[in-house]
């Protein structure tokens, strides 16, 4: 079951009506050309959700790296539960990015202590691999604290992995571009070639590589 909500101020109303913890899920790295895609799930009660909102939790893309790193331990401390999952480059190339992203979400969900009664998912696309109730919220990371918190966990975790992978794959500026297809990254691909962690299905249009 899915419900797409676009323009309403949903968060407070949803919590009042349902009286359930808010369980948000988000992904990061979907548009990158290098490395896995990450997803995170965060379970928040109303009180802790409001506390995190006051601390500045919002869409990870709107925060500096320093602010995300500051908020991460706060999210971990105040969430009732949290988890993250990932899908590999091989899965992305073989299954396609949407299915691989869904797999990373399911892996995150399965790591939660309790099976969620309802998920709140960022974006308009339903999680086809999930049989339970779900709400798909366009720009959900700007409307729900649990989704915003999940985006921060996923972003910080994946960024840390990218910085570690820079040591193994120098010359691609991974520490800087975090695996996304910047002009500098594409230029380095032409010089150094494609690694086993580059998504070949994403690079088919680069004729000169």
N, C-alpha and C. Protein backbone atom coordinates (compact mmCIF):
# COMPACT_ATOMS: atom_id res chain seq x y z
N UNK A 1 0.84 -1.19 0.00
CA UNK A 1 0.00 0.00 0.00
C UNK A 1 0.88 1.24 0.00
N UNK A 2 0.58 2.19 -0.88
CA UNK A 2 1.39 3.39 -0.93
C UNK A 2 0.50 4.62 -1.03
N UNK A 3 1.02 5.71 -0.53
CA UNK A 3 0.30 6.98 -0.60
C UNK A 3 1.33 8.05 -0.85
N UNK A 4 1.15 8.79 -1.93
CA UNK A 4 2.08 9.86 -2.27
C UNK A 4 1.49 11.19 -1.80
N UNK A 5 2.25 11.89 -0.98
CA UNK A 5 1.84 13.18 -0.45
C UNK A 5 2.84 14.22 -0.94
N UNK A 6 2.36 15.36 -1.40
CA UNK A 6 3.28 16.30 -2.00
C UNK A 6 3.41 17.62 -1.25
N UNK A 7 2.33 18.31 -1.04
CA UNK A 7 2.45 19.70 -0.63
C UNK A 7 2.03 19.99 0.82
N UNK A 8 1.39 19.05 1.50
CA UNK A 8 0.87 19.34 2.83
C UNK A 8 1.97 19.31 3.88
N UNK A 9 1.73 19.96 5.00
CA UNK A 9 2.64 19.90 6.15
C UNK A 9 2.27 18.64 6.93
N UNK A 10 2.87 17.51 6.55
CA UNK A 10 2.36 16.22 7.03
C UNK A 10 2.83 15.84 8.42
N UNK A 11 4.01 16.23 8.83
CA UNK A 11 4.68 15.58 9.95
C UNK A 11 3.89 15.58 11.24
N UNK A 12 3.50 16.75 11.72
CA UNK A 12 2.78 16.82 12.98
C UNK A 12 1.45 16.09 12.92
N UNK A 13 0.72 16.25 11.82
CA UNK A 13 -0.58 15.61 11.67
C UNK A 13 -0.45 14.10 11.67
N UNK A 14 0.55 13.59 10.97
CA UNK A 14 0.72 12.14 10.89
C UNK A 14 1.00 11.56 12.27
N UNK A 15 1.83 12.22 13.05
CA UNK A 15 2.17 11.72 14.38
C UNK A 15 0.96 11.76 15.31
N UNK A 16 0.17 12.83 15.22
CA UNK A 16 -1.00 12.96 16.09
C UNK A 16 -2.04 11.90 15.75
N UNK A 17 -2.27 11.68 14.46
CA UNK A 17 -3.30 10.74 14.04
C UNK A 17 -2.92 9.30 14.33
N UNK A 18 -1.68 8.93 14.07
CA UNK A 18 -1.27 7.54 14.15
C UNK A 18 -0.76 7.12 15.53
N UNK A 19 -0.19 8.07 16.29
CA UNK A 19 0.36 7.76 17.61
C UNK A 19 1.41 6.65 17.56
N UNK A 20 2.09 6.53 16.42
CA UNK A 20 3.15 5.54 16.27
C UNK A 20 4.48 6.24 16.11
N UNK A 21 5.58 5.54 16.42
CA UNK A 21 6.89 6.13 16.12
C UNK A 21 7.01 6.41 14.62
N UNK A 22 7.76 7.43 14.33
CA UNK A 22 7.99 7.80 12.93
C UNK A 22 9.20 7.02 12.43
N UNK A 23 9.02 6.29 11.33
CA UNK A 23 10.10 5.47 10.79
C UNK A 23 10.41 5.96 9.38
N UNK A 24 11.50 6.71 9.26
CA UNK A 24 11.88 7.30 7.99
C UNK A 24 13.03 6.57 7.34
N UNK A 25 13.05 6.59 6.01
CA UNK A 25 14.14 5.94 5.27
C UNK A 25 14.55 6.81 4.09
N UNK A 26 15.85 6.85 3.85
CA UNK A 26 16.37 7.66 2.74
C UNK A 26 17.63 7.00 2.20
N UNK A 27 18.03 7.39 1.00
CA UNK A 27 19.22 6.84 0.36
C UNK A 27 20.18 7.95 -0.02
N UNK A 28 21.42 7.57 -0.26
CA UNK A 28 22.41 8.50 -0.75
C UNK A 28 23.35 7.75 -1.69
N UNK A 29 23.83 8.45 -2.70
CA UNK A 29 24.75 7.84 -3.66
C UNK A 29 24.08 7.27 -4.89
N UNK A 30 22.79 7.51 -5.03
CA UNK A 30 22.08 6.96 -6.18
C UNK A 30 22.65 7.49 -7.50
N UNK A 31 23.04 8.75 -7.53
CA UNK A 31 23.51 9.34 -8.78
C UNK A 31 25.02 9.32 -8.96
N UNK A 32 25.74 8.67 -8.05
CA UNK A 32 27.19 8.60 -8.16
C UNK A 32 27.61 7.65 -9.27
N UNK A 33 28.86 7.77 -9.71
CA UNK A 33 29.39 6.86 -10.73
C UNK A 33 30.39 5.88 -10.14
N UNK A 34 30.67 6.03 -8.84
CA UNK A 34 31.65 5.19 -8.15
C UNK A 34 31.10 4.80 -6.79
N UNK A 35 31.26 3.53 -6.44
CA UNK A 35 30.91 3.08 -5.10
C UNK A 35 29.47 2.66 -4.94
N UNK A 36 29.16 2.07 -3.78
CA UNK A 36 27.82 1.56 -3.51
C UNK A 36 26.81 2.66 -3.24
N UNK A 37 25.54 2.26 -3.25
CA UNK A 37 24.46 3.15 -2.82
C UNK A 37 24.12 2.76 -1.39
N UNK A 38 23.89 3.76 -0.54
CA UNK A 38 23.59 3.53 0.88
C UNK A 38 22.17 3.98 1.20
N UNK A 39 21.53 3.27 2.12
CA UNK A 39 20.25 3.70 2.66
C UNK A 39 20.31 3.60 4.18
N UNK A 40 19.53 4.44 4.84
CA UNK A 40 19.45 4.38 6.31
C UNK A 40 17.99 4.49 6.73
N UNK A 41 17.68 3.87 7.86
CA UNK A 41 16.35 3.95 8.47
C UNK A 41 16.50 4.48 9.89
N UNK A 42 15.59 5.35 10.30
CA UNK A 42 15.63 5.93 11.64
C UNK A 42 14.23 5.87 12.25
N UNK A 43 14.17 5.42 13.50
CA UNK A 43 12.90 5.35 14.24
C UNK A 43 12.92 6.43 15.31
N UNK A 44 11.93 7.32 15.28
CA UNK A 44 11.86 8.42 16.24
C UNK A 44 10.49 8.50 16.89
N UNK A 45 10.48 8.77 18.21
CA UNK A 45 9.21 9.14 18.82
C UNK A 45 9.04 10.66 18.67
N UNK A 46 7.86 11.15 19.00
CA UNK A 46 7.56 12.56 18.74
C UNK A 46 8.49 13.49 19.52
N UNK A 47 8.73 13.17 20.80
CA UNK A 47 9.56 14.03 21.65
C UNK A 47 10.99 14.15 21.10
N UNK A 48 11.60 13.01 20.77
CA UNK A 48 12.97 13.03 20.28
C UNK A 48 13.08 13.60 18.88
N UNK A 49 12.02 13.42 18.10
CA UNK A 49 11.99 14.02 16.78
C UNK A 49 12.03 15.55 16.86
N UNK A 50 11.25 16.09 17.80
CA UNK A 50 11.24 17.54 18.00
C UNK A 50 12.59 18.04 18.52
N UNK A 51 13.23 17.24 19.40
CA UNK A 51 14.54 17.61 19.94
C UNK A 51 15.58 17.67 18.84
N UNK A 52 15.55 16.69 17.93
CA UNK A 52 16.51 16.68 16.82
C UNK A 52 16.26 17.84 15.85
N UNK A 53 14.99 18.15 15.67
CA UNK A 53 14.65 19.27 14.80
C UNK A 53 15.22 20.57 15.36
N UNK A 54 15.14 20.75 16.68
CA UNK A 54 15.68 21.95 17.33
C UNK A 54 17.20 22.01 17.23
N UNK A 55 17.83 20.83 17.19
CA UNK A 55 19.29 20.78 17.06
C UNK A 55 19.75 21.10 15.64
N UNK A 56 18.81 21.13 14.70
CA UNK A 56 19.16 21.49 13.34
C UNK A 56 19.13 20.36 12.34
N UNK A 57 18.52 19.24 12.70
CA UNK A 57 18.42 18.12 11.76
C UNK A 57 17.51 18.51 10.60
N UNK A 58 18.03 18.43 9.40
CA UNK A 58 17.26 18.66 8.18
C UNK A 58 17.95 17.93 7.05
N UNK A 59 17.43 18.07 5.85
CA UNK A 59 17.98 17.41 4.67
C UNK A 59 19.51 17.52 4.66
N UNK A 60 20.19 16.37 4.58
CA UNK A 60 21.65 16.36 4.67
C UNK A 60 22.31 17.22 3.60
N UNK A 61 21.66 17.37 2.45
CA UNK A 61 22.24 18.17 1.36
C UNK A 61 22.29 19.65 1.72
N UNK A 62 21.50 20.06 2.71
CA UNK A 62 21.46 21.46 3.12
C UNK A 62 22.38 21.75 4.30
N UNK A 63 23.15 20.74 4.71
CA UNK A 63 24.04 20.88 5.86
C UNK A 63 25.50 20.77 5.42
N UNK A 64 26.38 21.42 6.15
CA UNK A 64 27.80 21.27 5.90
C UNK A 64 28.27 19.93 6.45
N UNK A 65 29.42 19.48 5.99
CA UNK A 65 30.00 18.24 6.49
C UNK A 65 30.20 18.31 8.01
N UNK A 66 30.66 19.45 8.47
CA UNK A 66 30.89 19.65 9.91
C UNK A 66 29.60 19.50 10.69
N UNK A 67 28.51 20.09 10.20
CA UNK A 67 27.23 20.02 10.88
C UNK A 67 26.68 18.59 10.87
N UNK A 68 26.83 17.89 9.75
CA UNK A 68 26.37 16.50 9.69
C UNK A 68 27.11 15.63 10.70
N UNK A 69 28.42 15.83 10.79
CA UNK A 69 29.22 15.05 11.74
C UNK A 69 28.87 15.38 13.19
N UNK A 70 28.48 16.62 13.43
CA UNK A 70 28.04 17.03 14.77
C UNK A 70 26.71 16.36 15.13
N UNK A 71 25.81 16.28 14.14
CA UNK A 71 24.47 15.76 14.39
C UNK A 71 24.41 14.24 14.47
N UNK A 72 25.33 13.55 13.82
CA UNK A 72 25.27 12.09 13.78
C UNK A 72 25.17 11.46 15.16
N UNK A 73 26.05 11.76 16.12
CA UNK A 73 25.91 11.13 17.44
C UNK A 73 24.64 11.54 18.17
N UNK A 74 24.13 12.74 17.88
CA UNK A 74 22.86 13.18 18.49
C UNK A 74 21.71 12.31 17.98
N UNK A 75 21.74 12.04 16.68
CA UNK A 75 20.70 11.19 16.08
C UNK A 75 20.75 9.79 16.66
N UNK A 76 21.96 9.25 16.76
CA UNK A 76 22.13 7.90 17.31
C UNK A 76 21.63 7.83 18.75
N UNK A 77 21.94 8.88 19.53
CA UNK A 77 21.54 8.89 20.94
C UNK A 77 20.03 9.04 21.12
N UNK A 78 19.38 9.82 20.25
CA UNK A 78 17.97 10.13 20.44
C UNK A 78 17.01 9.24 19.66
N UNK A 79 17.51 8.49 18.70
CA UNK A 79 16.63 7.62 17.94
C UNK A 79 16.30 6.36 18.74
N UNK A 80 15.09 5.86 18.58
CA UNK A 80 14.70 4.61 19.22
C UNK A 80 15.43 3.44 18.58
N UNK A 81 15.74 3.58 17.31
CA UNK A 81 16.50 2.58 16.57
C UNK A 81 16.97 3.22 15.27
N UNK A 82 18.04 2.67 14.73
CA UNK A 82 18.53 3.14 13.43
C UNK A 82 19.32 2.01 12.78
N UNK A 83 19.49 2.08 11.47
CA UNK A 83 20.26 1.07 10.76
C UNK A 83 20.60 1.61 9.38
N UNK A 84 21.53 0.96 8.72
CA UNK A 84 21.79 1.31 7.33
C UNK A 84 22.12 0.05 6.53
N UNK A 85 21.91 0.14 5.23
CA UNK A 85 22.22 -0.96 4.33
C UNK A 85 22.82 -0.41 3.06
N UNK A 86 23.41 -1.28 2.26
CA UNK A 86 24.01 -0.83 1.02
C UNK A 86 23.85 -1.87 -0.07
N UNK A 87 24.01 -1.43 -1.31
CA UNK A 87 24.06 -2.32 -2.46
C UNK A 87 25.36 -2.05 -3.21
N UNK A 88 25.97 -3.11 -3.67
CA UNK A 88 27.29 -3.01 -4.29
C UNK A 88 27.23 -2.49 -5.72
N UNK A 89 28.39 -2.14 -6.22
CA UNK A 89 28.51 -1.70 -7.62
C UNK A 89 28.06 -2.82 -8.55
N UNK A 90 28.43 -4.06 -8.24
CA UNK A 90 28.03 -5.19 -9.08
C UNK A 90 26.51 -5.29 -9.15
N UNK A 91 25.85 -5.13 -8.01
CA UNK A 91 24.39 -5.20 -7.99
C UNK A 91 23.78 -4.04 -8.78
N UNK A 92 24.37 -2.86 -8.67
CA UNK A 92 23.88 -1.70 -9.42
C UNK A 92 23.98 -1.96 -10.91
N UNK A 93 25.12 -2.49 -11.36
CA UNK A 93 25.32 -2.74 -12.79
C UNK A 93 24.46 -3.88 -13.30
N UNK A 94 24.25 -4.90 -12.47
CA UNK A 94 23.49 -6.06 -12.93
C UNK A 94 21.98 -5.88 -12.81
N UNK A 95 21.54 -5.19 -11.76
CA UNK A 95 20.11 -5.10 -11.48
C UNK A 95 19.49 -3.76 -11.83
N UNK A 96 20.33 -2.75 -12.03
CA UNK A 96 19.82 -1.40 -12.25
C UNK A 96 19.78 -0.63 -10.95
N UNK A 97 19.90 0.68 -11.04
CA UNK A 97 20.04 1.50 -9.83
C UNK A 97 18.78 1.50 -8.97
N UNK A 98 17.60 1.49 -9.58
CA UNK A 98 16.40 1.52 -8.74
C UNK A 98 16.27 0.26 -7.90
N UNK A 99 16.44 -0.89 -8.53
CA UNK A 99 16.30 -2.15 -7.79
C UNK A 99 17.39 -2.26 -6.73
N UNK A 100 18.62 -1.86 -7.09
CA UNK A 100 19.72 -1.91 -6.13
C UNK A 100 19.46 -0.99 -4.94
N UNK A 101 18.89 0.19 -5.22
CA UNK A 101 18.55 1.11 -4.13
C UNK A 101 17.49 0.50 -3.22
N UNK A 102 16.51 -0.15 -3.81
CA UNK A 102 15.48 -0.82 -3.01
C UNK A 102 16.10 -1.92 -2.14
N UNK A 103 17.06 -2.65 -2.69
CA UNK A 103 17.73 -3.69 -1.91
C UNK A 103 18.44 -3.08 -0.70
N UNK A 104 19.11 -1.95 -0.92
CA UNK A 104 19.81 -1.30 0.20
C UNK A 104 18.82 -0.85 1.27
N UNK A 105 17.64 -0.40 0.86
CA UNK A 105 16.61 0.00 1.82
C UNK A 105 16.09 -1.20 2.60
N UNK A 106 15.82 -2.29 1.90
CA UNK A 106 15.33 -3.50 2.56
C UNK A 106 16.36 -4.02 3.55
N UNK A 107 17.63 -3.97 3.19
CA UNK A 107 18.70 -4.41 4.10
C UNK A 107 18.75 -3.55 5.36
N UNK A 108 18.52 -2.26 5.18
CA UNK A 108 18.46 -1.37 6.35
C UNK A 108 17.26 -1.71 7.23
N UNK A 109 16.10 -1.91 6.61
CA UNK A 109 14.88 -2.22 7.36
C UNK A 109 15.03 -3.51 8.16
N UNK A 110 15.65 -4.52 7.55
CA UNK A 110 15.80 -5.82 8.20
C UNK A 110 16.73 -5.77 9.40
N UNK A 111 17.55 -4.74 9.49
CA UNK A 111 18.45 -4.60 10.64
C UNK A 111 17.79 -3.92 11.84
N UNK A 112 16.61 -3.36 11.64
CA UNK A 112 15.89 -2.75 12.75
C UNK A 112 15.43 -3.82 13.73
N UNK A 113 15.34 -3.46 15.00
CA UNK A 113 14.96 -4.41 16.03
C UNK A 113 13.54 -4.93 15.83
N UNK A 114 12.64 -4.03 15.43
CA UNK A 114 11.24 -4.40 15.23
C UNK A 114 10.83 -4.17 13.78
N UNK A 115 9.95 -5.02 13.30
CA UNK A 115 9.44 -4.87 11.95
C UNK A 115 8.53 -3.64 11.89
N UNK A 116 8.82 -2.66 11.02
CA UNK A 116 8.04 -1.42 10.98
C UNK A 116 6.58 -1.67 10.59
N UNK A 117 5.67 -0.96 11.25
CA UNK A 117 4.26 -1.04 10.87
C UNK A 117 3.99 -0.17 9.66
N UNK A 118 4.77 0.91 9.53
CA UNK A 118 4.62 1.80 8.38
C UNK A 118 5.94 2.54 8.13
N UNK A 119 6.32 2.64 6.89
CA UNK A 119 7.54 3.36 6.51
C UNK A 119 7.20 4.69 5.89
N UNK A 120 8.05 5.68 6.13
CA UNK A 120 7.94 6.97 5.45
C UNK A 120 9.19 7.08 4.59
N UNK A 121 9.00 7.10 3.28
CA UNK A 121 10.12 7.02 2.34
C UNK A 121 10.24 8.31 1.56
N UNK A 122 11.47 8.81 1.44
CA UNK A 122 11.71 10.02 0.67
C UNK A 122 11.54 9.75 -0.81
N UNK A 123 10.83 10.64 -1.50
CA UNK A 123 10.68 10.53 -2.95
C UNK A 123 9.37 9.90 -3.38
N UNK A 124 9.06 9.98 -4.67
CA UNK A 124 7.77 9.52 -5.18
C UNK A 124 7.72 8.02 -5.51
N UNK A 125 8.87 7.35 -5.53
CA UNK A 125 8.89 5.95 -5.96
C UNK A 125 8.64 5.01 -4.79
N UNK A 126 7.68 4.11 -4.95
CA UNK A 126 7.37 3.16 -3.90
C UNK A 126 8.48 2.13 -3.76
N UNK A 127 8.59 1.57 -2.57
CA UNK A 127 9.55 0.50 -2.31
C UNK A 127 8.84 -0.81 -2.65
N UNK A 128 9.10 -1.29 -3.86
CA UNK A 128 8.35 -2.43 -4.39
C UNK A 128 8.66 -3.73 -3.64
N UNK A 129 9.81 -3.80 -2.99
CA UNK A 129 10.21 -5.01 -2.28
C UNK A 129 9.64 -5.07 -0.86
N UNK A 130 8.87 -4.06 -0.47
CA UNK A 130 8.30 -4.00 0.88
C UNK A 130 6.80 -4.25 0.79
N UNK A 131 6.32 -5.23 1.56
CA UNK A 131 4.90 -5.59 1.51
C UNK A 131 4.04 -4.85 2.52
N UNK A 132 4.69 -4.17 3.47
CA UNK A 132 3.94 -3.44 4.49
C UNK A 132 3.48 -2.07 4.01
N UNK A 133 2.88 -1.33 4.91
CA UNK A 133 2.39 0.00 4.58
C UNK A 133 3.56 0.98 4.41
N UNK A 134 3.41 1.88 3.48
CA UNK A 134 4.44 2.89 3.25
C UNK A 134 3.80 4.17 2.73
N UNK A 135 4.46 5.27 3.04
CA UNK A 135 4.07 6.57 2.51
C UNK A 135 5.26 7.14 1.76
N UNK A 136 5.03 7.54 0.55
CA UNK A 136 6.09 8.14 -0.26
C UNK A 136 5.91 9.64 -0.26
N UNK A 137 6.92 10.33 0.26
CA UNK A 137 6.82 11.77 0.46
C UNK A 137 7.82 12.50 -0.43
N UNK A 138 7.32 13.27 -1.37
CA UNK A 138 8.19 14.09 -2.21
C UNK A 138 8.84 15.16 -1.34
N UNK A 139 10.17 15.28 -1.46
CA UNK A 139 10.96 16.18 -0.61
C UNK A 139 10.76 15.85 0.86
N UNK A 140 10.65 14.55 1.16
CA UNK A 140 10.40 14.10 2.52
C UNK A 140 11.49 14.47 3.50
N UNK A 141 12.74 14.60 3.00
CA UNK A 141 13.83 14.96 3.90
C UNK A 141 13.74 16.40 4.38
N UNK A 142 12.85 17.17 3.78
CA UNK A 142 12.60 18.54 4.24
C UNK A 142 11.33 18.63 5.09
N UNK A 143 10.59 17.52 5.20
CA UNK A 143 9.29 17.54 5.88
C UNK A 143 9.23 16.63 7.11
N UNK A 144 10.02 15.58 7.12
CA UNK A 144 10.00 14.63 8.22
C UNK A 144 11.38 14.52 8.85
N UNK A 145 11.43 14.69 10.16
CA UNK A 145 12.71 14.63 10.85
C UNK A 145 13.35 13.25 10.74
N UNK A 146 12.54 12.20 10.76
CA UNK A 146 13.09 10.84 10.66
C UNK A 146 13.78 10.62 9.31
N UNK A 147 13.19 11.14 8.24
CA UNK A 147 13.81 11.01 6.92
C UNK A 147 15.08 11.84 6.85
N UNK A 148 15.02 13.06 7.39
CA UNK A 148 16.21 13.92 7.40
C UNK A 148 17.34 13.26 8.19
N UNK A 149 16.99 12.66 9.34
CA UNK A 149 17.98 11.97 10.16
C UNK A 149 18.57 10.79 9.40
N UNK A 150 17.72 10.05 8.69
CA UNK A 150 18.19 8.93 7.89
C UNK A 150 19.13 9.40 6.78
N UNK A 151 18.82 10.55 6.18
CA UNK A 151 19.68 11.07 5.12
C UNK A 151 21.05 11.44 5.66
N UNK A 152 21.09 11.94 6.90
CA UNK A 152 22.37 12.30 7.52
C UNK A 152 23.20 11.05 7.82
N UNK A 153 22.56 10.04 8.39
CA UNK A 153 23.28 8.79 8.69
C UNK A 153 23.84 8.18 7.41
N UNK A 154 23.01 8.10 6.37
CA UNK A 154 23.46 7.52 5.11
C UNK A 154 24.60 8.33 4.50
N UNK A 155 24.46 9.64 4.53
CA UNK A 155 25.47 10.52 3.93
C UNK A 155 26.80 10.43 4.67
N UNK A 156 26.77 10.54 5.99
CA UNK A 156 28.02 10.50 6.77
C UNK A 156 28.71 9.14 6.62
N UNK A 157 27.91 8.08 6.65
CA UNK A 157 28.47 6.73 6.54
C UNK A 157 29.11 6.50 5.18
N UNK A 158 28.40 6.90 4.13
CA UNK A 158 28.94 6.71 2.79
C UNK A 158 30.16 7.60 2.55
N UNK A 159 30.11 8.85 3.01
CA UNK A 159 31.25 9.76 2.84
C UNK A 159 32.49 9.21 3.52
N UNK A 160 32.32 8.61 4.69
CA UNK A 160 33.46 8.02 5.40
C UNK A 160 34.06 6.89 4.57
N UNK A 161 33.19 6.06 3.98
CA UNK A 161 33.68 4.98 3.13
C UNK A 161 34.44 5.54 1.93
N UNK A 162 33.92 6.61 1.32
CA UNK A 162 34.59 7.21 0.16
C UNK A 162 35.98 7.72 0.54
N UNK A 163 36.10 8.31 1.71
CA UNK A 163 37.40 8.81 2.16
C UNK A 163 38.38 7.67 2.40
N UNK A 164 37.87 6.54 2.88
CA UNK A 164 38.72 5.36 3.06
C UNK A 164 39.13 4.76 1.72
N UNK A 165 38.20 4.75 0.76
CA UNK A 165 38.50 4.18 -0.55
C UNK A 165 39.48 5.03 -1.35
N UNK A 166 39.58 6.30 -1.00
CA UNK A 166 40.58 7.18 -1.64
C UNK A 166 41.99 6.59 -1.46
N UNK A 167 42.23 5.94 -0.33
CA UNK A 167 43.56 5.37 -0.06
C UNK A 167 43.86 4.22 -1.02
N UNK A 168 42.83 3.48 -1.40
CA UNK A 168 42.99 2.34 -2.29
C UNK A 168 42.93 2.74 -3.76
N UNK A 169 42.17 3.81 -4.03
CA UNK A 169 41.99 4.26 -5.41
C UNK A 169 42.37 5.74 -5.53
N UNK A 170 43.65 6.04 -5.37
CA UNK A 170 44.08 7.44 -5.47
C UNK A 170 44.02 7.93 -6.93
N UNK A 171 43.95 9.22 -7.07
CA UNK A 171 43.97 9.79 -8.41
C UNK A 171 42.62 10.09 -9.01
N UNK A 172 41.54 9.70 -8.29
CA UNK A 172 40.19 9.96 -8.79
C UNK A 172 39.47 11.02 -7.97
N UNK A 173 40.16 11.57 -6.98
CA UNK A 173 39.61 12.64 -6.13
C UNK A 173 38.33 12.22 -5.41
N UNK A 174 38.30 10.91 -5.03
CA UNK A 174 37.11 10.36 -4.38
C UNK A 174 36.84 11.06 -3.04
N UNK A 175 37.91 11.43 -2.33
CA UNK A 175 37.74 12.11 -1.05
C UNK A 175 36.99 13.43 -1.22
N UNK A 176 37.07 13.97 -2.42
CA UNK A 176 36.49 15.28 -2.72
C UNK A 176 35.11 15.16 -3.38
N UNK A 177 35.01 14.31 -4.40
CA UNK A 177 33.76 14.21 -5.15
C UNK A 177 32.81 13.15 -4.61
N UNK A 178 33.29 12.34 -3.66
CA UNK A 178 32.49 11.29 -3.01
C UNK A 178 31.88 10.31 -4.01
N UNK A 179 32.57 10.16 -5.15
CA UNK A 179 32.13 9.19 -6.14
C UNK A 179 31.20 9.74 -7.20
N UNK A 180 30.86 11.02 -7.10
CA UNK A 180 29.96 11.62 -8.10
C UNK A 180 30.75 12.06 -9.34
N UNK A 181 30.03 12.21 -10.43
CA UNK A 181 30.67 12.45 -11.71
C UNK A 181 30.99 13.91 -11.97
N UNK A 182 31.94 14.44 -11.24
CA UNK A 182 32.38 15.81 -11.47
C UNK A 182 33.28 15.85 -12.71
N UNK A 183 33.52 17.03 -13.20
CA UNK A 183 34.39 17.21 -14.37
C UNK A 183 35.79 16.66 -14.06
N UNK A 184 36.26 16.93 -12.85
CA UNK A 184 37.57 16.46 -12.42
C UNK A 184 37.62 14.93 -12.36
N UNK A 185 36.53 14.34 -11.91
CA UNK A 185 36.44 12.88 -11.81
C UNK A 185 36.48 12.26 -13.21
N UNK A 186 35.68 12.79 -14.12
CA UNK A 186 35.66 12.26 -15.48
C UNK A 186 37.02 12.43 -16.17
N UNK A 187 37.68 13.53 -15.91
CA UNK A 187 39.00 13.75 -16.47
C UNK A 187 39.99 12.70 -15.96
N UNK A 188 39.89 12.36 -14.68
CA UNK A 188 40.80 11.35 -14.11
C UNK A 188 40.50 9.96 -14.67
N UNK A 189 39.24 9.70 -15.02
CA UNK A 189 38.89 8.43 -15.63
C UNK A 189 39.57 8.27 -16.99
N UNK A 190 39.63 9.34 -17.72
CA UNK A 190 40.28 9.29 -19.03
C UNK A 190 41.78 9.05 -18.91
N UNK A 191 42.33 9.52 -17.80
CA UNK A 191 43.77 9.35 -17.56
C UNK A 191 44.10 8.00 -16.95
N UNK A 192 43.31 7.59 -15.97
CA UNK A 192 43.65 6.41 -15.17
C UNK A 192 42.83 5.17 -15.49
N UNK A 193 41.73 5.34 -16.23
CA UNK A 193 40.88 4.20 -16.55
C UNK A 193 39.83 3.92 -15.49
N UNK A 194 38.98 2.93 -15.76
CA UNK A 194 37.88 2.59 -14.87
C UNK A 194 38.32 1.54 -13.86
N UNK A 195 37.98 1.74 -12.59
CA UNK A 195 38.29 0.76 -11.55
C UNK A 195 37.13 -0.23 -11.40
N UNK A 196 37.33 -1.24 -10.56
CA UNK A 196 36.25 -2.21 -10.33
C UNK A 196 35.14 -1.65 -9.46
N UNK A 197 35.32 -0.45 -8.90
CA UNK A 197 34.25 0.18 -8.12
C UNK A 197 33.55 1.31 -8.88
N UNK A 198 33.89 1.48 -10.14
CA UNK A 198 33.14 2.41 -10.97
C UNK A 198 31.94 1.68 -11.57
N UNK A 199 30.81 2.37 -11.63
CA UNK A 199 29.59 1.78 -12.17
C UNK A 199 29.64 1.84 -13.69
N UNK A 200 29.96 0.72 -14.30
CA UNK A 200 30.13 0.69 -15.76
C UNK A 200 28.84 1.03 -16.49
N UNK A 201 27.70 0.67 -15.88
CA UNK A 201 26.42 0.99 -16.51
C UNK A 201 26.16 2.49 -16.53
N UNK A 202 26.85 3.24 -15.67
CA UNK A 202 26.71 4.68 -15.63
C UNK A 202 27.69 5.38 -16.56
N UNK A 203 28.68 4.64 -17.07
CA UNK A 203 29.77 5.27 -17.83
C UNK A 203 29.75 4.90 -19.30
N UNK A 204 28.66 4.31 -19.77
CA UNK A 204 28.61 3.85 -21.16
C UNK A 204 28.65 4.99 -22.17
N UNK A 205 28.29 6.19 -21.73
CA UNK A 205 28.29 7.35 -22.64
C UNK A 205 29.65 8.02 -22.76
N UNK A 206 30.59 7.59 -21.92
CA UNK A 206 31.94 8.16 -22.00
C UNK A 206 32.71 7.42 -23.08
N UNK A 207 32.58 7.85 -24.31
CA UNK A 207 33.11 7.13 -25.46
C UNK A 207 34.63 7.01 -25.45
N UNK A 208 35.29 7.97 -24.86
CA UNK A 208 36.74 7.99 -24.92
C UNK A 208 37.41 7.13 -23.84
N UNK A 209 36.60 6.56 -22.93
CA UNK A 209 37.19 5.74 -21.87
C UNK A 209 37.24 4.29 -22.32
